[in-house]
Amino acid sequence: GSHGSTFGGNPLGMAVAEVVLNHVLKDEFLDHVRFIGYNLRKKL
């Protein structure tokens, strides 16, 4: 009762979020973000 949301955590959103996390939480994914980010900043 202290907080709530009618649509929060609905099945559609959770199905998508699980896929996002399955990708983003991989070490190689985050390594890639750091690598590409560094190179983009350097070339800029």
Full PDB file with SEQRES, HELIX, SHEET, SSBOND, CRYST1, ORIGX, SCALE, CONECT and MASTER records, all heavy atoms in Angstrom:
SEQRES   1 A   44  GLY SER HIS GLY SER THR PHE GLY GLY ASN PRO LEU GLY          
SEQRES   2 A   44  MET ALA VAL ALA GLU VAL VAL LEU ASN HIS VAL LEU LYS          
SEQRES   3 A   44  ASP GLU PHE LEU ASP HIS VAL ARG PHE ILE GLY TYR ASN          
SEQRES   4 A   44  LEU ARG LYS LYS LEU                                          
HELIX    1 AA1 PRO A   11  VAL A   24  1                                  14    
HELIX    2 AA2 ASP A   27  LYS A   43  1                                  17    
CRYST1    1.000    1.000    1.000  90.00  90.00  90.00 P 1           1          
ORIGX1      1.000000  0.000000  0.000000        0.00000                         
ORIGX2      0.000000  1.000000  0.000000        0.00000                         
ORIGX3      0.000000  0.000000  1.000000        0.00000                         
SCALE1      1.000000  0.000000  0.000000        0.00000                         
SCALE2      0.000000  1.000000  0.000000        0.00000                         
SCALE3      0.000000  0.000000  1.000000        0.00000                         
ATOM      1  N   GLY A   1       0.787  -1.222   0.000  1.00  0.00           N  
ATOM      2  CA  GLY A   1       0.000   0.000   0.000  1.00  0.00           C  
ATOM      3  C   GLY A   1       0.819   1.272   0.000  1.00  0.00           C  
ATOM      4  O   GLY A   1       0.270   2.354  -0.233  1.00  0.00           O  
ATOM      5  N   SER A   2       2.128   1.177   0.238  1.00  0.00           N  
ATOM      6  CA  SER A   2       2.953   2.377   0.280  1.00  0.00           C  
ATOM      7  C   SER A   2       3.238   2.927  -1.116  1.00  0.00           C  
ATOM      8  O   SER A   2       3.554   4.104  -1.268  1.00  0.00           O  
ATOM      9  CB  SER A   2       4.270   2.099   1.012  1.00  0.00           C  
ATOM     10  OG  SER A   2       4.989   1.056   0.388  1.00  0.00           O  
ATOM     11  N   HIS A   3       3.147   2.080  -2.115  1.00  0.00           N  
ATOM     12  CA  HIS A   3       3.321   2.524  -3.497  1.00  0.00           C  
ATOM     13  C   HIS A   3       2.747   1.464  -4.428  1.00  0.00           C  
ATOM     14  O   HIS A   3       2.466   0.337  -4.000  1.00  0.00           O  
ATOM     15  CB  HIS A   3       4.798   2.774  -3.811  1.00  0.00           C  
ATOM     16  CG  HIS A   3       5.005   3.671  -5.009  1.00  0.00           C  
ATOM     17  ND1 HIS A   3       4.406   4.902  -5.137  1.00  0.00           N  
ATOM     18  CD2 HIS A   3       5.742   3.513  -6.142  1.00  0.00           C  
ATOM     19  CE1 HIS A   3       4.762   5.460  -6.289  1.00  0.00           C  
ATOM     20  NE2 HIS A   3       5.563   4.635  -6.916  1.00  0.00           N  
ATOM     21  N   GLY A   4       2.590   1.823  -5.702  1.00  0.00           N  
ATOM     22  CA  GLY A   4       2.037   0.850  -6.642  1.00  0.00           C  
ATOM     23  C   GLY A   4       1.920   1.428  -8.035  1.00  0.00           C  
ATOM     24  O   GLY A   4       2.144   2.615  -8.260  1.00  0.00           O  
ATOM     25  N   SER A   5       1.571   0.570  -8.980  1.00  0.00           N  
ATOM     26  CA  SER A   5       1.414   0.977 -10.375  1.00  0.00           C  
ATOM     27  C   SER A   5       0.521  -0.026 -11.086  1.00  0.00           C  
ATOM     28  O   SER A   5       0.745  -1.234 -11.007  1.00  0.00           O  
ATOM     29  CB  SER A   5       2.774   1.033 -11.082  1.00  0.00           C  
ATOM     30  OG  SER A   5       2.617   1.191 -12.475  1.00  0.00           O  
ATOM     31  N   THR A   6      -0.501   0.464 -11.768  1.00  0.00           N  
ATOM     32  CA  THR A   6      -1.391  -0.433 -12.501  1.00  0.00           C  
ATOM     33  C   THR A   6      -0.633  -1.228 -13.571  1.00  0.00           C  
ATOM     34  O   THR A   6      -0.787  -2.444 -13.693  1.00  0.00           O  
ATOM     35  CB  THR A   6      -2.521   0.363 -13.166  1.00  0.00           C  
ATOM     36  OG1 THR A   6      -3.313   0.995 -12.160  1.00  0.00           O  
ATOM     37  CG2 THR A   6      -3.418  -0.552 -14.004  1.00  0.00           C  
ATOM     38  N   PHE A   7       0.186  -0.527 -14.335  1.00  0.00           N  
ATOM     39  CA  PHE A   7       0.861  -1.171 -15.464  1.00  0.00           C  
ATOM     40  C   PHE A   7       2.291  -1.601 -15.154  1.00  0.00           C  
ATOM     41  O   PHE A   7       2.923  -2.293 -15.958  1.00  0.00           O  
ATOM     42  CB  PHE A   7       0.884  -0.223 -16.674  1.00  0.00           C  
ATOM     43  CG  PHE A   7      -0.490   0.118 -17.190  1.00  0.00           C  
ATOM     44  CD1 PHE A   7      -1.042   1.362 -16.959  1.00  0.00           C  
ATOM     45  CD2 PHE A   7      -1.230  -0.816 -17.897  1.00  0.00           C  
ATOM     46  CE1 PHE A   7      -2.301   1.689 -17.427  1.00  0.00           C  
ATOM     47  CE2 PHE A   7      -2.496  -0.503 -18.372  1.00  0.00           C  
ATOM     48  CZ  PHE A   7      -3.038   0.748 -18.138  1.00  0.00           C  
ATOM     49  N   GLY A   8       2.827  -1.160 -14.029  1.00  0.00           N  
ATOM     50  CA  GLY A   8       4.220  -1.448 -13.707  1.00  0.00           C  
ATOM     51  C   GLY A   8       4.514  -2.938 -13.631  1.00  0.00           C  
ATOM     52  O   GLY A   8       3.816  -3.686 -12.958  1.00  0.00           O  
ATOM     53  N   GLY A   9       5.562  -3.363 -14.338  1.00  0.00           N  
ATOM     54  CA  GLY A   9       5.955  -4.768 -14.309  1.00  0.00           C  
ATOM     55  C   GLY A   9       5.021  -5.681 -15.069  1.00  0.00           C  
ATOM     56  O   GLY A   9       4.944  -6.882 -14.774  1.00  0.00           O  
ATOM     57  N   ASN A  10       4.328  -5.145 -16.072  1.00  0.00           N  
ATOM     58  CA  ASN A  10       3.381  -5.972 -16.831  1.00  0.00           C  
ATOM     59  C   ASN A  10       4.129  -7.046 -17.623  1.00  0.00           C  
ATOM     60  O   ASN A  10       5.334  -6.923 -17.892  1.00  0.00           O  
ATOM     61  CB  ASN A  10       2.520  -5.100 -17.750  1.00  0.00           C  
ATOM     62  CG  ASN A  10       3.338  -4.400 -18.814  1.00  0.00           C  
ATOM     63  OD1 ASN A  10       3.762  -5.006 -19.791  1.00  0.00           O  
ATOM     64  ND2 ASN A  10       3.575  -3.097 -18.616  1.00  0.00           N  
ATOM     65  N   PRO A  11       3.455  -8.123 -17.997  1.00  0.00           N  
ATOM     66  CA  PRO A  11       4.126  -9.249 -18.666  1.00  0.00           C  
ATOM     67  C   PRO A  11       4.864  -8.872 -19.946  1.00  0.00           C  
ATOM     68  O   PRO A  11       5.929  -9.425 -20.234  1.00  0.00           O  
ATOM     69  CB  PRO A  11       2.971 -10.214 -18.962  1.00  0.00           C  
ATOM     70  CG  PRO A  11       1.963  -9.924 -17.903  1.00  0.00           C  
ATOM     71  CD  PRO A  11       2.038  -8.443 -17.692  1.00  0.00           C  
ATOM     72  N   LEU A  12       4.324  -7.929 -20.724  1.00  0.00           N  
ATOM     73  CA  LEU A  12       5.000  -7.516 -21.954  1.00  0.00           C  
ATOM     74  C   LEU A  12       6.344  -6.851 -21.646  1.00  0.00           C  
ATOM     75  O   LEU A  12       7.375  -7.174 -22.253  1.00  0.00           O  
ATOM     76  CB  LEU A  12       4.115  -6.554 -22.750  1.00  0.00           C  
ATOM     77  CG  LEU A  12       2.839  -7.122 -23.366  1.00  0.00           C  
ATOM     78  CD1 LEU A  12       2.002  -6.000 -23.974  1.00  0.00           C  
ATOM     79  CD2 LEU A  12       3.161  -8.157 -24.427  1.00  0.00           C  
ATOM     80  N   GLY A  13       6.323  -5.919 -20.712  1.00  0.00           N  
ATOM     81  CA  GLY A  13       7.543  -5.220 -20.335  1.00  0.00           C  
ATOM     82  C   GLY A  13       8.592  -6.146 -19.761  1.00  0.00           C  
ATOM     83  O   GLY A  13       9.788  -6.016 -20.040  1.00  0.00           O  
ATOM     84  N   MET A  14       8.156  -7.092 -18.955  1.00  0.00           N  
ATOM     85  CA  MET A  14       9.097  -8.015 -18.331  1.00  0.00           C  
ATOM     86  C   MET A  14       9.736  -8.958 -19.353  1.00  0.00           C  
ATOM     87  O   MET A  14      10.918  -9.303 -19.250  1.00  0.00           O  
ATOM     88  CB  MET A  14       8.391  -8.820 -17.241  1.00  0.00           C  
ATOM     89  CG  MET A  14       7.920  -7.981 -16.054  1.00  0.00           C  
ATOM     90  SD  MET A  14       9.258  -7.108 -15.176  1.00  0.00           S  
ATOM     91  CE  MET A  14       9.230  -5.503 -15.958  1.00  0.00           C  
ATOM     92  N   ALA A  15       8.962  -9.360 -20.348  1.00  0.00           N  
ATOM     93  CA  ALA A  15       9.506 -10.226 -21.396  1.00  0.00           C  
ATOM     94  C   ALA A  15      10.625  -9.518 -22.149  1.00  0.00           C  
ATOM     95  O   ALA A  15      11.671 -10.111 -22.452  1.00  0.00           O  
ATOM     96  CB  ALA A  15       8.392 -10.642 -22.362  1.00  0.00           C  
ATOM     97  N   VAL A  16      10.419  -8.240 -22.438  1.00  0.00           N  
ATOM     98  CA  VAL A  16      11.427  -7.452 -23.144  1.00  0.00           C  
ATOM     99  C   VAL A  16      12.635  -7.190 -22.249  1.00  0.00           C  
ATOM    100  O   VAL A  16      13.789  -7.317 -22.677  1.00  0.00           O  
ATOM    101  CB  VAL A  16      10.807  -6.123 -23.629  1.00  0.00           C  
ATOM    102  CG1 VAL A  16      11.886  -5.199 -24.157  1.00  0.00           C  
ATOM    103  CG2 VAL A  16       9.763  -6.380 -24.709  1.00  0.00           C  
ATOM    104  N   ALA A  17      12.392  -6.818 -20.991  1.00  0.00           N  
ATOM    105  CA  ALA A  17      13.480  -6.504 -20.072  1.00  0.00           C  
ATOM    106  C   ALA A  17      14.405  -7.702 -19.855  1.00  0.00           C  
ATOM    107  O   ALA A  17      15.626  -7.555 -19.737  1.00  0.00           O  
ATOM    108  CB  ALA A  17      12.918  -6.036 -18.736  1.00  0.00           C  
ATOM    109  N   GLU A  18      13.832  -8.886 -19.816  1.00  0.00           N  
ATOM    110  CA  GLU A  18      14.660 -10.075 -19.638  1.00  0.00           C  
ATOM    111  C   GLU A  18      15.644 -10.240 -20.795  1.00  0.00           C  
ATOM    112  O   GLU A  18      16.822 -10.567 -20.580  1.00  0.00           O  
ATOM    113  CB  GLU A  18      13.780 -11.323 -19.519  1.00  0.00           C  
ATOM    114  CG  GLU A  18      14.579 -12.594 -19.255  1.00  0.00           C  
ATOM    115  CD  GLU A  18      13.726 -13.832 -19.093  1.00  0.00           C  
ATOM    116  OE1 GLU A  18      12.478 -13.723 -19.130  1.00  0.00           O  
ATOM    117  OE2 GLU A  18      14.304 -14.921 -18.928  1.00  0.00           O  
ATOM    118  N   VAL A  19      15.178  -9.976 -22.001  1.00  0.00           N  
ATOM    119  CA  VAL A  19      16.055 -10.073 -23.171  1.00  0.00           C  
ATOM    120  C   VAL A  19      17.154  -9.007 -23.107  1.00  0.00           C  
ATOM    121  O   VAL A  19      18.333  -9.283 -23.371  1.00  0.00           O  
ATOM    122  CB  VAL A  19      15.249  -9.924 -24.473  1.00  0.00           C  
ATOM    123  CG1 VAL A  19      16.185  -9.840 -25.677  1.00  0.00           C  
ATOM    124  CG2 VAL A  19      14.292 -11.092 -24.641  1.00  0.00           C  
ATOM    125  N   VAL A  20      16.776  -7.773 -22.767  1.00  0.00           N  
ATOM    126  CA  VAL A  20      17.767  -6.696 -22.650  1.00  0.00           C  
ATOM    127  C   VAL A  20      18.857  -7.083 -21.658  1.00  0.00           C  
ATOM    128  O   VAL A  20      20.059  -6.961 -21.940  1.00  0.00           O  
ATOM    129  CB  VAL A  20      17.097  -5.376 -22.221  1.00  0.00           C  
ATOM    130  CG1 VAL A  20      18.152  -4.333 -21.840  1.00  0.00           C  
ATOM    131  CG2 VAL A  20      16.211  -4.830 -23.329  1.00  0.00           C  
ATOM    132  N   LEU A  21      18.458  -7.566 -20.494  1.00  0.00           N  
ATOM    133  CA  LEU A  21      19.435  -7.919 -19.466  1.00  0.00           C  
ATOM    134  C   LEU A  21      20.306  -9.099 -19.892  1.00  0.00           C  
ATOM    135  O   LEU A  21      21.501  -9.143 -19.576  1.00  0.00           O  
ATOM    136  CB  LEU A  21      18.725  -8.233 -18.152  1.00  0.00           C  
ATOM    137  CG  LEU A  21      18.039  -7.043 -17.478  1.00  0.00           C  
ATOM    138  CD1 LEU A  21      17.268  -7.495 -16.244  1.00  0.00           C  
ATOM    139  CD2 LEU A  21      19.049  -5.965 -17.102  1.00  0.00           C  
ATOM    140  N   ASN A  22      19.726 -10.045 -20.600  1.00  0.00           N  
ATOM    141  CA  ASN A  22      20.514 -11.192 -21.082  1.00  0.00           C  
ATOM    142  C   ASN A  22      21.652 -10.739 -21.986  1.00  0.00           C  
ATOM    143  O   ASN A  22      22.710 -11.381 -22.039  1.00  0.00           O  
ATOM    144  CB  ASN A  22      19.623 -12.181 -21.829  1.00  0.00           C  
ATOM    145  CG  ASN A  22      18.742 -12.994 -20.905  1.00  0.00           C  
ATOM    146  OD1 ASN A  22      18.990 -13.068 -19.700  1.00  0.00           O  
ATOM    147  ND2 ASN A  22      17.694 -13.583 -21.440  1.00  0.00           N  
ATOM    148  N   HIS A  23      21.462  -9.646 -22.694  1.00  0.00           N  
ATOM    149  CA  HIS A  23      22.511  -9.096 -23.552  1.00  0.00           C  
ATOM    150  C   HIS A  23      23.459  -8.187 -22.766  1.00  0.00           C  
ATOM    151  O   HIS A  23      24.678  -8.369 -22.788  1.00  0.00           O  
ATOM    152  CB  HIS A  23      21.893  -8.306 -24.709  1.00  0.00           C  
ATOM    153  CG  HIS A  23      21.332  -9.149 -25.805  1.00  0.00           C  
ATOM    154  ND1 HIS A  23      20.133  -9.819 -25.694  1.00  0.00           N  
ATOM    155  CD2 HIS A  23      21.810  -9.447 -27.038  1.00  0.00           C  
ATOM    156  CE1 HIS A  23      19.895 -10.485 -26.811  1.00  0.00           C  
ATOM    157  NE2 HIS A  23      20.892 -10.270 -27.643  1.00  0.00           N  
ATOM    158  N   VAL A  24      22.891  -7.209 -22.076  1.00  0.00           N  
ATOM    159  CA  VAL A  24      23.696  -6.162 -21.448  1.00  0.00           C  
ATOM    160  C   VAL A  24      24.574  -6.689 -20.319  1.00  0.00           C  
ATOM    161  O   VAL A  24      25.678  -6.171 -20.101  1.00  0.00           O  
ATOM    162  CB  VAL A  24      22.772  -5.028 -20.940  1.00  0.00           C  
ATOM    163  CG1 VAL A  24      23.549  -4.014 -20.101  1.00  0.00           C  
ATOM    164  CG2 VAL A  24      22.105  -4.328 -22.114  1.00  0.00           C  
ATOM    165  N   LEU A  25      24.134  -7.700 -19.623  1.00  0.00           N  
ATOM    166  CA  LEU A  25      24.889  -8.202 -18.476  1.00  0.00           C  
ATOM    167  C   LEU A  25      26.087  -9.073 -18.857  1.00  0.00           C  
ATOM    168  O   LEU A  25      26.866  -9.462 -17.989  1.00  0.00           O  
ATOM    169  CB  LEU A  25      23.960  -8.984 -17.537  1.00  0.00           C  
ATOM    170  CG  LEU A  25      22.969  -8.129 -16.745  1.00  0.00           C  
ATOM    171  CD1 LEU A  25      21.961  -9.004 -16.012  1.00  0.00           C  
ATOM    172  CD2 LEU A  25      23.703  -7.218 -15.762  1.00  0.00           C  
ATOM    173  N   LYS A  26      26.261  -9.349 -20.128  1.00  0.00           N  
ATOM    174  CA  LYS A  26      27.416 -10.128 -20.556  1.00  0.00           C  
ATOM    175  C   LYS A  26      28.670  -9.248 -20.527  1.00  0.00           C  
ATOM    176  O   LYS A  26      28.659  -8.110 -20.996  1.00  0.00           O  
ATOM    177  CB  LYS A  26      27.203 -10.665 -21.969  1.00  0.00           C  
ATOM    178  CG  LYS A  26      26.122 -11.731 -22.070  1.00  0.00           C  
ATOM    179  CD  LYS A  26      25.932 -12.188 -23.508  1.00  0.00           C  
ATOM    180  CE  LYS A  26      24.851 -13.263 -23.610  1.00  0.00           C  
ATOM    181  NZ  LYS A  26      24.611 -13.671 -25.021  1.00  0.00           N  
ATOM    182  N   ASP A  27      29.755  -9.781 -19.988  1.00  0.00           N  
ATOM    183  CA  ASP A  27      31.003  -9.019 -19.898  1.00  0.00           C  
ATOM    184  C   ASP A  27      31.461  -8.522 -21.259  1.00  0.00           C  
ATOM    185  O   ASP A  27      31.930  -7.384 -21.398  1.00  0.00           O  
ATOM    186  CB  ASP A  27      32.105  -9.864 -19.258  1.00  0.00           C  
ATOM    187  CG  ASP A  27      31.877 -10.101 -17.774  1.00  0.00           C  
ATOM    188  OD1 ASP A  27      31.115  -9.320 -17.160  1.00  0.00           O  
ATOM    189  OD2 ASP A  27      32.461 -11.058 -17.233  1.00  0.00           O  
ATOM    190  N   GLU A  28      31.329  -9.363 -22.279  1.00  0.00           N  
ATOM    191  CA  GLU A  28      31.790  -8.979 -23.601  1.00  0.00           C  
ATOM    192  C   GLU A  28      30.958  -7.838 -24.197  1.00  0.00           C  
ATOM    193  O   GLU A  28      31.458  -7.034 -24.985  1.00  0.00           O  
ATOM    194  CB  GLU A  28      31.800 -10.175 -24.562  1.00  0.00           C  
ATOM    195  CG  GLU A  28      30.466 -10.889 -24.731  1.00  0.00           C  
ATOM    196  CD  GLU A  28      30.290 -12.071 -23.796  1.00  0.00           C  
ATOM    197  OE1 GLU A  28      30.835 -12.031 -22.669  1.00  0.00           O  
ATOM    198  OE2 GLU A  28      29.613 -13.035 -24.206  1.00  0.00           O  
ATOM    199  N   PHE A  29      29.683  -7.764 -23.816  1.00  0.00           N  
ATOM    200  CA  PHE A  29      28.828  -6.669 -24.284  1.00  0.00           C  
ATOM    201  C   PHE A  29      29.319  -5.352 -23.697  1.00  0.00           C  
ATOM    202  O   PHE A  29      29.484  -4.353 -24.413  1.00  0.00           O  
ATOM    203  CB  PHE A  29      27.369  -6.930 -23.886  1.00  0.00           C  
ATOM    204  CG  PHE A  29      26.395  -5.910 -24.425  1.00  0.00           C  
ATOM    205  CD1 PHE A  29      25.707  -6.152 -25.608  1.00  0.00           C  
ATOM    206  CD2 PHE A  29      26.163  -4.713 -23.758  1.00  0.00           C  
ATOM    207  CE1 PHE A  29      24.807  -5.222 -26.117  1.00  0.00           C  
ATOM    208  CE2 PHE A  29      25.271  -3.775 -24.259  1.00  0.00           C  
ATOM    209  CZ  PHE A  29      24.596  -4.029 -25.440  1.00  0.00           C  
ATOM    210  N   LEU A  30      29.567  -5.330 -22.392  1.00  0.00           N  
ATOM    211  CA  LEU A  30      30.031  -4.113 -21.732  1.00  0.00           C  
ATOM    212  C   LEU A  30      31.442  -3.743 -22.174  1.00  0.00           C  
ATOM    213  O   LEU A  30      31.775  -2.566 -22.304  1.00  0.00           O  
ATOM    214  CB  LEU A  30      29.955  -4.279 -20.214  1.00  0.00           C  
ATOM    215  CG  LEU A  30      28.534  -4.449 -19.660  1.00  0.00           C  
ATOM    216  CD1 LEU A  30      28.563  -4.799 -18.185  1.00  0.00           C  
ATOM    217  CD2 LEU A  30      27.708  -3.181 -19.889  1.00  0.00           C  
ATOM    218  N   ASP A  31      32.287  -4.747 -22.413  1.00  0.00           N  
ATOM    219  CA  ASP A  31      33.620  -4.486 -22.970  1.00  0.00           C  
ATOM    220  C   ASP A  31      33.505  -3.768 -24.311  1.00  0.00           C  
ATOM    221  O   ASP A  31      34.268  -2.846 -24.617  1.00  0.00           O  
ATOM    222  CB  ASP A  31      34.393  -5.793 -23.168  1.00  0.00           C  
ATOM    223  CG  ASP A  31      34.826  -6.440 -21.862  1.00  0.00           C  
ATOM    224  OD1 ASP A  31      34.829  -5.747 -20.826  1.00  0.00           O  
ATOM    225  OD2 ASP A  31      35.162  -7.640 -21.887  1.00  0.00           O  
ATOM    226  N   HIS A  32      32.546  -4.224 -25.117  1.00  0.00           N  
ATOM    227  CA  HIS A  32      32.322  -3.636 -26.442  1.00  0.00           C  
ATOM    228  C   HIS A  32      31.896  -2.170 -26.328  1.00  0.00           C  
ATOM    229  O   HIS A  32      32.388  -1.311 -27.079  1.00  0.00           O  
ATOM    230  CB  HIS A  32      31.252  -4.438 -27.187  1.00  0.00           C  
ATOM    231  CG  HIS A  32      30.872  -3.862 -28.512  1.00  0.00           C  
ATOM    232  ND1 HIS A  32      31.628  -4.042 -29.648  1.00  0.00           N  
ATOM    233  CD2 HIS A  32      29.814  -3.084 -28.875  1.00  0.00           C  
ATOM    234  CE1 HIS A  32      31.050  -3.406 -30.661  1.00  0.00           C  
ATOM    235  NE2 HIS A  32      29.952  -2.827 -30.222  1.00  0.00           N  
ATOM    236  N   VAL A  33      30.999  -1.879 -25.389  1.00  0.00           N  
ATOM    237  CA  VAL A  33      30.546  -0.498 -25.190  1.00  0.00           C  
ATOM    238  C   VAL A  33      31.730   0.395 -24.829  1.00  0.00           C  
ATOM    239  O   VAL A  33      31.883   1.499 -25.371  1.00  0.00           O  
ATOM    240  CB  VAL A  33      29.458  -0.424 -24.095  1.00  0.00           C  
ATOM    241  CG1 VAL A  33      29.123   1.035 -23.767  1.00  0.00           C  
ATOM    242  CG2 VAL A  33      28.200  -1.158 -24.536  1.00  0.00           C  
ATOM    243  N   ARG A  34      32.572  -0.083 -23.931  1.00  0.00           N  
ATOM    244  CA  ARG A  34      33.740   0.714 -23.533  1.00  0.00           C  
ATOM    245  C   ARG A  34      34.699   0.914 -24.705  1.00  0.00           C  
ATOM    246  O   ARG A  34      35.234   2.012 -24.902  1.00  0.00           O  
ATOM    247  CB  ARG A  34      34.461   0.051 -22.351  1.00  0.00           C  
ATOM    248  CG  ARG A  34      33.639   0.054 -21.067  1.00  0.00           C  
ATOM    249  CD  ARG A  34      34.479  -0.325 -19.858  1.00  0.00           C  
ATOM    250  NE  ARG A  34      34.920  -1.720 -19.896  1.00  0.00           N  
ATOM    251  CZ  ARG A  34      34.240  -2.742 -19.385  1.00  0.00           C  
ATOM    252  NH1 ARG A  34      33.066  -2.524 -18.812  1.00  0.00           N  
ATOM    253  NH2 ARG A  34      34.719  -3.968 -19.437  1.00  0.00           N  
ATOM    254  N   PHE A  35      34.923  -0.134 -25.480  1.00  0.00           N  
ATOM    255  CA  PHE A  35      35.841  -0.065 -26.615  1.00  0.00           C  
ATOM    256  C   PHE A  35      35.334   0.906 -27.685  1.00  0.00           C  
ATOM    257  O   PHE A  35      36.065   1.788 -28.145  1.00  0.00           O  
ATOM    258  CB  PHE A  35      36.023  -1.469 -27.214  1.00  0.00           C  
ATOM    259  CG  PHE A  35      36.815  -1.496 -28.489  1.00  0.00           C  
ATOM    260  CD1 PHE A  35      38.199  -1.410 -28.462  1.00  0.00           C  
ATOM    261  CD2 PHE A  35      36.177  -1.580 -29.729  1.00  0.00           C  
ATOM    262  CE1 PHE A  35      38.933  -1.414 -29.654  1.00  0.00           C  
ATOM    263  CE2 PHE A  35      36.900  -1.598 -30.913  1.00  0.00           C  
ATOM    264  CZ  PHE A  35      38.283  -1.513 -30.871  1.00  0.00           C  
ATOM    265  N   ILE A  36      34.087   0.739 -28.081  1.00  0.00           N  
ATOM    266  CA  ILE A  36      33.519   1.602 -29.117  1.00  0.00           C  
ATOM    267  C   ILE A  36      33.412   3.039 -28.613  1.00  0.00           C  
ATOM    268  O   ILE A  36      33.701   3.996 -29.350  1.00  0.00           O  
ATOM    269  CB  ILE A  36      32.142   1.087 -29.580  1.00  0.00           C  
ATOM    270  CG1 ILE A  36      32.282  -0.283 -30.257  1.00  0.00           C  
ATOM    271  CG2 ILE A  36      31.481   2.077 -30.538  1.00  0.00           C  
ATOM    272  CD1 ILE A  36      33.058  -0.280 -31.551  1.00  0.00           C  
ATOM    273  N   GLY A  37      33.017   3.204 -27.365  1.00  0.00           N  
ATOM    274  CA  GLY A  37      32.911   4.543 -26.787  1.00  0.00           C  
ATOM    275  C   GLY A  37      34.244   5.265 -26.780  1.00  0.00           C  
ATOM    276  O   GLY A  37      34.334   6.453 -27.143  1.00  0.00           O  
ATOM    277  N   TYR A  38      35.293   4.551 -26.393  1.00  0.00           N  
ATOM    278  CA  TYR A  38      36.633   5.148 -26.382  1.00  0.00           C  
ATOM    279  C   TYR A  38      37.039   5.582 -27.787  1.00  0.00           C  
ATOM    280  O   TYR A  38      37.539   6.699 -27.996  1.00  0.00           O  
ATOM    281  CB  TYR A  38      37.652   4.148 -25.825  1.00  0.00           C  
ATOM    282  CG  TYR A  38      39.088   4.571 -26.045  1.00  0.00           C  
ATOM    283  CD1 TYR A  38      39.693   5.510 -25.205  1.00  0.00           C  
ATOM    284  CD2 TYR A  38      39.827   4.059 -27.116  1.00  0.00           C  
ATOM    285  CE1 TYR A  38      41.004   5.927 -25.419  1.00  0.00           C  
ATOM    286  CE2 TYR A  38      41.126   4.467 -27.341  1.00  0.00           C  
ATOM    287  CZ  TYR A  38      41.716   5.392 -26.490  1.00  0.00           C  
ATOM    288  OH  TYR A  38      43.006   5.806 -26.717  1.00  0.00           O  
ATOM    289  N   ASN A  39      36.827   4.719 -28.758  1.00  0.00           N  
ATOM    290  CA  ASN A  39      37.226   5.020 -30.124  1.00  0.00           C  
ATOM    291  C   ASN A  39      36.401   6.142 -30.744  1.00  0.00           C  
ATOM    292  O   ASN A  39      36.935   6.967 -31.506  1.00  0.00           O  
ATOM    293  CB  ASN A  39      37.158   3.756 -30.982  1.00  0.00           C  
ATOM    294  CG  ASN A  39      38.359   2.855 -30.783  1.00  0.00           C  
ATOM    295  OD1 ASN A  39      39.427   3.102 -31.335  1.00  0.00           O  
ATOM    296  ND2 ASN A  39      38.194   1.814 -29.960  1.00  0.00           N  
ATOM    297  N   LEU A  40      35.115   6.182 -30.431  1.00  0.00           N  
ATOM    298  CA  LEU A  40      34.283   7.261 -30.940  1.00  0.00           C  
ATOM    299  C   LEU A  40      34.735   8.598 -30.356  1.00  0.00           C  
ATOM    300  O   LEU A  40      34.879   9.596 -31.079  1.00  0.00           O  
ATOM    301  CB  LEU A  40      32.813   6.998 -30.623  1.00  0.00           C  
ATOM    302  CG  LEU A  40      31.815   8.104 -31.005  1.00  0.00           C  
ATOM    303  CD1 LEU A  40      31.934   8.486 -32.479  1.00  0.00           C  
ATOM    304  CD2 LEU A  40      30.384   7.662 -30.681  1.00  0.00           C  
ATOM    305  N   ARG A  41      34.975   8.644 -29.054  1.00  0.00           N  
ATOM    306  CA  ARG A  41      35.438   9.882 -28.422  1.00  0.00           C  
ATOM    307  C   ARG A  41      36.787  10.319 -28.987  1.00  0.00           C  
ATOM    308  O   ARG A  41      37.027  11.501 -29.236  1.00  0.00           O  
ATOM    309  CB  ARG A  41      35.515   9.721 -26.902  1.00  0.00           C  
ATOM    310  CG  ARG A  41      34.161   9.504 -26.235  1.00  0.00           C  
ATOM    311  CD  ARG A  41      34.227   9.686 -24.724  1.00  0.00           C  
ATOM    312  NE  ARG A  41      35.228   8.829 -24.107  1.00  0.00           N  
ATOM    313  CZ  ARG A  41      35.033   7.565 -23.757  1.00  0.00           C  
ATOM    314  NH1 ARG A  41      33.842   6.995 -23.984  1.00  0.00           N  
ATOM    315  NH2 ARG A  41      35.985   6.861 -23.175  1.00  0.00           N  
ATOM    316  N   LYS A  42      37.687   9.352 -29.192  1.00  0.00           N  
ATOM    317  CA  LYS A  42      39.023   9.671 -29.715  1.00  0.00           C  
ATOM    318  C   LYS A  42      38.940  10.238 -31.133  1.00  0.00           C  
ATOM    319  O   LYS A  42      39.608  11.237 -31.456  1.00  0.00           O  
ATOM    320  CB  LYS A  42      39.906   8.425 -29.713  1.00  0.00           C  
ATOM    321  CG  LYS A  42      41.364   8.680 -30.090  1.00  0.00           C  
ATOM    322  CD  LYS A  42      42.192   7.429 -29.952  1.00  0.00           C  
ATOM    323  CE  LYS A  42      43.674   7.733 -30.145  1.00  0.00           C  
ATOM    324  NZ  LYS A  42      43.979   8.354 -31.454  1.00  0.00           N  
ATOM    325  N   LYS A  43      38.129   9.625 -31.973  1.00  0.00           N  
ATOM    326  CA  LYS A  43      38.008  10.095 -33.350  1.00  0.00           C  
ATOM    327  C   LYS A  43      37.289  11.449 -33.408  1.00  0.00           C  
ATOM    328  O   LYS A  43      37.616  12.290 -34.263  1.00  0.00           O  
ATOM    329  CB  LYS A  43      37.293   9.057 -34.215  1.00  0.00           C  
ATOM    330  CG  LYS A  43      38.131   7.796 -34.460  1.00  0.00           C  
ATOM    331  CD  LYS A  43      37.518   6.896 -35.511  1.00  0.00           C  
ATOM    332  CE  LYS A  43      37.724   7.443 -36.899  1.00  0.00           C  
ATOM    333  NZ  LYS A  43      39.135   7.497 -37.318  1.00  0.00           N  
ATOM    334  N   LEU A  44      36.330  11.662 -32.529  1.00  0.00           N  
ATOM    335  CA  LEU A  44      35.689  12.970 -32.470  1.00  0.00           C  
ATOM    336  C   LEU A  44      36.715  14.043 -32.117  1.00  0.00           C  
ATOM    337  O   LEU A  44      36.730  15.131 -32.708  1.00  0.00           O  
ATOM    338  CB  LEU A  44      34.560  12.966 -31.437  1.00  0.00           C  
ATOM    339  CG  LEU A  44      33.255  12.292 -31.851  1.00  0.00           C  
ATOM    340  CD1 LEU A  44      32.341  12.110 -30.642  1.00  0.00           C  
ATOM    341  CD2 LEU A  44      32.541  13.081 -32.944  1.00  0.00           C  
TER     342      LEU A  44                                                      
MASTER        0    0    0    2    0    0    0    6  341    1    0    4          
END                                                                             
